[in-house]
C-alpha atoms as a PDB file:
ATOM      1  CA  UNK A   1     -58.338  -6.212 101.698  1.00  0.00           C
ATOM      2  CA  UNK A   2     -56.755  -3.767 103.563  1.00  0.00           C
ATOM      3  CA  UNK A   3     -59.606  -1.459 103.731  1.00  0.00           C
ATOM      4  CA  UNK A   4     -62.116  -4.761 104.704  1.00  0.00           C
ATOM      5  CA  UNK A   5     -59.987  -5.032 107.580  1.00  0.00           C
ATOM      6  CA  UNK A   6     -60.237  -2.081 108.750  1.00  0.00           C
ATOM      7  CA  UNK A   7     -64.094  -1.554 108.304  1.00  0.00           C
ATOM      8  CA  UNK A   8     -64.115  -5.359 110.077  1.00  0.00           C
ATOM      9  CA  UNK A   9     -62.101  -3.515 113.040  1.00  0.00           C
ATOM     10  CA  UNK A  10     -64.720  -0.694 113.096  1.00  0.00           C
ATOM     11  CA  UNK A  11     -67.632  -2.607 113.265  1.00  0.00           C
ATOM     12  CA  UNK A  12     -65.990  -5.228 115.911  1.00  0.00           C
ATOM     13  CA  UNK A  13     -64.752  -2.463 118.200  1.00  0.00           C
ATOM     14  CA  UNK A  14     -68.073  -0.369 117.896  1.00  0.00           C
ATOM     15  CA  UNK A  15     -70.534  -3.313 118.640  1.00  0.00           C
ATOM     16  CA  UNK A  16     -68.318  -4.135 121.777  1.00  0.00           C
ATOM     17  CA  UNK A  17     -68.020  -0.618 122.904  1.00  0.00           C
ATOM     18  CA  UNK A  18     -71.569   0.362 122.521  1.00  0.00           C
ATOM     19  CA  UNK A  19     -72.372  -3.133 124.997  1.00  0.00           C
ATOM     20  CA  UNK A  20     -69.658  -3.195 127.449  1.00  0.00           C
ATOM     21  CA  UNK A  21     -67.795   0.523 127.407  1.00  0.00           C
ATOM     22  CA  UNK A  22     -71.393   2.411 127.752  1.00  0.00           C
ATOM     23  CA  UNK A  23     -71.741   0.037 131.082  1.00  0.00           C
ATOM     24  CA  UNK A  24     -68.825   2.066 132.387  1.00  0.00           C
ATOM     25  CA  UNK A  25     -69.315   5.454 130.971  1.00  0.00           C
ATOM     26  CA  UNK A  26     -66.230   5.594 129.550  1.00  0.00           C
ATOM     27  CA  UNK A  27     -64.792   7.164 126.346  1.00  0.00           C
ATOM     28  CA  UNK A  28     -63.818   4.904 123.111  1.00  0.00           C
ATOM     29  CA  UNK A  29     -61.115   6.797 121.231  1.00  0.00           C
ATOM     30  CA  UNK A  30     -59.285   6.222 117.238  1.00  0.00           C
ATOM     31  CA  UNK A  31     -56.527   6.810 117.496  1.00  0.00           C
ATOM     32  CA  UNK A  32     -54.050   6.341 113.975  1.00  0.00           C
ATOM     33  CA  UNK A  33     -50.396   5.867 113.912  1.00  0.00           C
ATOM     34  CA  UNK A  34     -48.011   7.054 111.428  1.00  0.00           C
ATOM     35  CA  UNK A  35     -48.116   3.817 109.259  1.00  0.00           C
ATOM     36  CA  UNK A  36     -51.708   3.936 109.113  1.00  0.00           C
ATOM     37  CA  UNK A  37     -52.955   1.480 112.074  1.00  0.00           C
ATOM     38  CA  UNK A  38     -55.804   2.089 113.125  1.00  0.00           C
ATOM     39  CA  UNK A  39     -56.222   1.060 116.913  1.00  0.00           C
ATOM     40  CA  UNK A  40     -59.531   1.889 119.179  1.00  0.00           C
ATOM     41  CA  UNK A  41     -59.121   2.325 122.792  1.00  0.00           C
ATOM     42  CA  UNK A  42     -60.801   3.638 126.024  1.00  0.00           C
ATOM     43  CA  UNK A  43     -57.261   5.774 126.578  1.00  0.00           C
ATOM     44  CA  UNK A  44     -56.239   9.128 124.829  1.00  0.00           C
ATOM     45  CA  UNK A  45     -52.800   7.759 123.669  1.00  0.00           C
ATOM     46  CA  UNK A  46     -52.162  10.718 121.495  1.00  0.00           C
ATOM     47  CA  UNK A  47     -52.945  13.759 119.407  1.00  0.00           C
ATOM     48  CA  UNK A  48     -53.578  11.539 116.591  1.00  0.00           C
ATOM     49  CA  UNK A  49     -56.818  10.383 118.462  1.00  0.00           C
ATOM     50  CA  UNK A  50     -60.225  11.118 118.004  1.00  0.00           C
ATOM     51  CA  UNK A  51     -63.243  10.261 120.245  1.00  0.00           C
ATOM     52  CA  UNK A  52     -66.387   8.266 118.935  1.00  0.00           C
ATOM     53  CA  UNK A  53     -69.406   9.892 119.455  1.00  0.00           C
ATOM     54  CA  UNK A  54     -71.757   6.768 120.393  1.00  0.00           C
ATOM     55  CA  UNK A  55     -75.659   6.952 121.582  1.00  0.00           C
ATOM     56  CA  UNK A  56     -76.316   5.269 124.973  1.00  0.00           C
ATOM     57  CA  UNK A  57     -78.338   2.822 124.828  1.00  0.00           C
ATOM     58  CA  UNK A  58     -81.728   2.607 126.908  1.00  0.00           C
ATOM     59  CA  UNK A  59     -81.941  -0.075 129.711  1.00  0.00           C
ATOM     60  CA  UNK A  60     -85.130  -1.248 131.751  1.00  0.00           C
ATOM     61  CA  UNK A  61     -84.302  -2.909 134.802  1.00  0.00           C
ATOM     62  CA  UNK A  62     -86.599  -5.659 136.080  1.00  0.00           C
ATOM     63  CA  UNK A  63     -87.846  -5.742 139.607  1.00  0.00           C
ATOM     64  CA  UNK A  64     -88.698  -8.756 141.584  1.00  0.00           C
ATOM     65  CA  UNK A  65     -92.301  -7.105 141.990  1.00  0.00           C
ATOM     66  CA  UNK A  66     -92.985  -7.938 138.284  1.00  0.00           C
ATOM     67  CA  UNK A  67     -92.657 -11.194 138.141  1.00  0.00           C
ATOM     68  CA  UNK A  68     -94.390 -11.716 141.646  1.00  0.00           C
ATOM     69  CA  UNK A  69     -97.188  -9.828 140.622  1.00  0.00           C
ATOM     70  CA  UNK A  70     -97.810 -11.962 136.914  1.00  0.00           C
ATOM     71  CA  UNK A  71     -98.453 -15.003 138.842  1.00  0.00           C
ATOM     72  CA  UNK A  72    -101.147 -13.313 141.399  1.00  0.00           C
ATOM     73  CA  UNK A  73    -102.973 -11.478 138.356  1.00  0.00           C
ATOM     74  CA  UNK A  74    -103.392 -14.207 136.174  1.00  0.00           C
ATOM     75  CA  UNK A  75    -104.515 -16.798 138.804  1.00  0.00           C
ATOM     76  CA  UNK A  76    -107.997 -16.273 138.297  1.00  0.00           C
ATOM     77  CA  UNK A  77    -107.696 -16.825 134.532  1.00  0.00           C
ATOM     78  CA  UNK A  78    -109.525 -20.037 132.829  1.00  0.00           C
ATOM     79  CA  UNK A  79    -108.060 -21.385 129.716  1.00  0.00           C
ATOM     80  CA  UNK A  80    -110.029 -22.518 126.915  1.00  0.00           C
ATOM     81  CA  UNK A  81    -110.550 -26.427 126.891  1.00  0.00           C
ATOM     82  CA  UNK A  82    -108.422 -28.383 125.103  1.00  0.00           C
ATOM     83  CA  UNK A  83    -110.022 -29.646 121.690  1.00  0.00           C
ATOM     84  CA  UNK A  84    -110.690 -32.991 121.699  1.00  0.00           C
ATOM     85  CA  UNK A  85    -112.589 -35.761 119.037  1.00  0.00           C
ATOM     86  CA  UNK A  86    -114.909 -38.302 118.556  1.00  0.00           C
ATOM     87  CA  UNK A  87    -113.960 -41.771 120.034  1.00  0.00           C
ATOM     88  CA  UNK A  88    -114.695 -42.778 116.442  1.00  0.00           C
ATOM     89  CA  UNK A  89    -112.705 -40.475 114.809  1.00  0.00           C
ATOM     90  CA  UNK A  90    -109.403 -41.592 116.890  1.00  0.00           C
ATOM     91  CA  UNK A  91    -110.470 -44.844 116.090  1.00  0.00           C
ATOM     92  CA  UNK A  92    -110.370 -44.213 112.370  1.00  0.00           C
ATOM     93  CA  UNK A  93    -107.406 -42.563 112.560  1.00  0.00           C
ATOM     94  CA  UNK A  94    -105.455 -45.353 114.905  1.00  0.00           C
ATOM     95  CA  UNK A  95    -106.485 -47.996 112.407  1.00  0.00           C
ATOM     96  CA  UNK A  96    -104.846 -45.496 109.404  1.00  0.00           C
ATOM     97  CA  UNK A  97    -101.693 -45.012 111.418  1.00  0.00           C
ATOM     98  CA  UNK A  98    -101.629 -49.043 112.072  1.00  0.00           C
ATOM     99  CA  UNK A  99    -101.961 -49.574 108.124  1.00  0.00           C
ATOM    100  CA  UNK A 100     -99.472 -47.370 107.114  1.00  0.00           C
ATOM    101  CA  UNK A 101     -96.865 -48.497 109.778  1.00  0.00           C
ATOM    102  CA  UNK A 102     -97.872 -51.973 108.694  1.00  0.00           C
ATOM    103  CA  UNK A 103     -97.107 -51.148 104.963  1.00  0.00           C
ATOM    104  CA  UNK A 104     -93.685 -49.485 106.017  1.00  0.00           C
ATOM    105  CA  UNK A 105     -93.041 -52.734 107.827  1.00  0.00           C
ATOM    106  CA  UNK A 106     -93.537 -55.321 104.711  1.00  0.00           C
ATOM    107  CA  UNK A 107     -91.818 -52.482 102.607  1.00  0.00           C
ATOM    108  CA  UNK A 108     -88.860 -53.040 105.565  1.00  0.00           C
ATOM    109  CA  UNK A 109     -88.799 -56.980 105.465  1.00  0.00           C
ATOM    110  CA  UNK A 110     -88.382 -57.370 101.675  1.00  0.00           C
ATOM    111  CA  UNK A 111     -85.803 -54.678 101.434  1.00  0.00           C
ATOM    112  CA  UNK A 112     -84.008 -57.070 104.508  1.00  0.00           C
ATOM    113  CA  UNK A 113     -84.567 -59.927 102.658  1.00  0.00           C
ATOM    114  CA  UNK A 114     -83.161 -58.484  99.510  1.00  0.00           C
ATOM    115  CA  UNK A 115     -80.054 -57.497 101.265  1.00  0.00           C
ATOM    116  CA  UNK A 116     -79.949 -60.721 102.653  1.00  0.00           C
ATOM    117  CA  UNK A 117     -80.054 -62.325  99.833  1.00  0.00           C
ATOM    118  CA  UNK A 118     -77.261 -59.906  97.932  1.00  0.00           C
ATOM    119  CA  UNK A 119     -75.154 -60.371 101.070  1.00  0.00           C
ATOM    120  CA  UNK A 120     -74.941 -64.195 100.544  1.00  0.00           C
ATOM    121  CA  UNK A 121     -73.775 -65.158 103.952  1.00  0.00           C
ATOM    122  CA  UNK A 122     -71.166 -62.617 103.791  1.00  0.00           C
ATOM    123  CA  UNK A 123     -69.462 -63.869 100.590  1.00  0.00           C
ATOM    124  CA  UNK A 124     -71.639 -61.526  97.676  1.00  0.00           C
ATOM    125  CA  UNK A 125     -70.566 -62.006  94.042  1.00  0.00           C
ATOM    126  CA  UNK A 126     -68.153 -59.712  92.728  1.00  0.00           C
ATOM    127  CA  UNK A 127     -69.166 -57.135  90.091  1.00  0.00           C
ATOM    128  CA  UNK A 128     -67.226 -56.124  86.906  1.00  0.00           C
ATOM    129  CA  UNK A 129     -66.385 -52.792  88.520  1.00  0.00           C
ATOM    130  CA  UNK A 130     -64.783 -54.431  91.288  1.00  0.00           C
ATOM    131  CA  UNK A 131     -61.541 -55.595  89.580  1.00  0.00           C
ATOM    132  CA  UNK A 132     -59.714 -54.165  92.724  1.00  0.00           C
ATOM    133  CA  UNK A 133     -60.417 -56.225  95.939  1.00  0.00           C
ATOM    134  CA  UNK A 134     -60.729 -53.349  98.177  1.00  0.00           C
ATOM    135  CA  UNK A 135     -64.020 -52.177  96.172  1.00  0.00           C
ATOM    136  CA  UNK A 136     -65.330 -55.793  96.898  1.00  0.00           C
ATOM    137  CA  UNK A 137     -64.582 -55.348 100.306  1.00  0.00           C
ATOM    138  CA  UNK A 138     -66.141 -51.950 101.065  1.00  0.00           C
ATOM    139  CA  UNK A 139     -68.686 -52.753  99.126  1.00  0.00           C
ATOM    140  CA  UNK A 140     -69.711 -55.673 101.744  1.00  0.00           C
ATOM    141  CA  UNK A 141     -69.312 -53.477 104.432  1.00  0.00           C
ATOM    142  CA  UNK A 142     -71.802 -51.045 103.447  1.00  0.00           C
ATOM    143  CA  UNK A 143     -74.169 -54.357 103.009  1.00  0.00           C
ATOM    144  CA  UNK A 144     -73.696 -55.124 106.419  1.00  0.00           C
ATOM    145  CA  UNK A 145     -74.370 -51.842 107.503  1.00  0.00           C
ATOM    146  CA  UNK A 146     -77.253 -51.580 105.206  1.00  0.00           C
ATOM    147  CA  UNK A 147     -78.760 -54.594 106.782  1.00  0.00           C
ATOM    148  CA  UNK A 148     -78.125 -53.419 110.091  1.00  0.00           C
ATOM    149  CA  UNK A 149     -79.911 -50.658 109.464  1.00  0.00           C
ATOM    150  CA  UNK A 150     -82.462 -52.231 108.135  1.00  0.00           C
ATOM    151  CA  UNK A 151     -82.582 -54.688 111.389  1.00  0.00           C
ATOM    152  CA  UNK A 152     -82.862 -51.676 113.526  1.00  0.00           C
ATOM    153  CA  UNK A 153     -85.838 -49.961 110.932  1.00  0.00           C
ATOM    154  CA  UNK A 154     -87.915 -53.188 111.410  1.00  0.00           C
ATOM    155  CA  UNK A 155     -87.458 -53.231 115.453  1.00  0.00           C
ATOM    156  CA  UNK A 156     -88.422 -50.008 115.409  1.00  0.00           C
ATOM    157  CA  UNK A 157     -91.897 -50.177 113.475  1.00  0.00           C
ATOM    158  CA  UNK A 158     -92.540 -53.519 115.685  1.00  0.00           C
ATOM    159  CA  UNK A 159     -92.018 -50.962 118.847  1.00  0.00           C
ATOM    160  CA  UNK A 160     -93.971 -48.292 117.866  1.00  0.00           C
ATOM    161  CA  UNK A 161     -96.829 -50.745 116.434  1.00  0.00           C
ATOM    162  CA  UNK A 162     -96.579 -53.183 120.120  1.00  0.00           C
ATOM    163  CA  UNK A 163     -95.778 -55.979 118.053  1.00  0.00           C
ATOM    164  CA  UNK A 164     -93.176 -58.003 119.649  1.00  0.00           C
END
């Protein structure tokens, strides 16, 4: 476990040093104490410190000129036309969509009717496994949530179909 901590520490410090220390052109040192603790620092503290050799990364600065030239160079480019479909194909797709939504609406209405029938106006029949009254109350509460969710689904489907 101690070795994993050391490795994690080394990797973290190396990653940090690559991104921050080289930007400041500083050196990173690995120092070990008498008890075996390893410390990474940018200050040379003792004879037990060794400098890490970290390669510098290349950075290519951007210029404001390049962003302006992009819009000027590409001003004359014309894009290909957006793909379109015929009126008949679109009408067929719209009809298919309405049929699918209508089936979903019918299914959701049936589900809501079944839930409301089982809910029985807030007094559903107790089941055999509900000897504990709290289990019954939990089931009733879940039924309320299911009914509310089903009603929301029906409203959403009607709105998507354009029905009020």
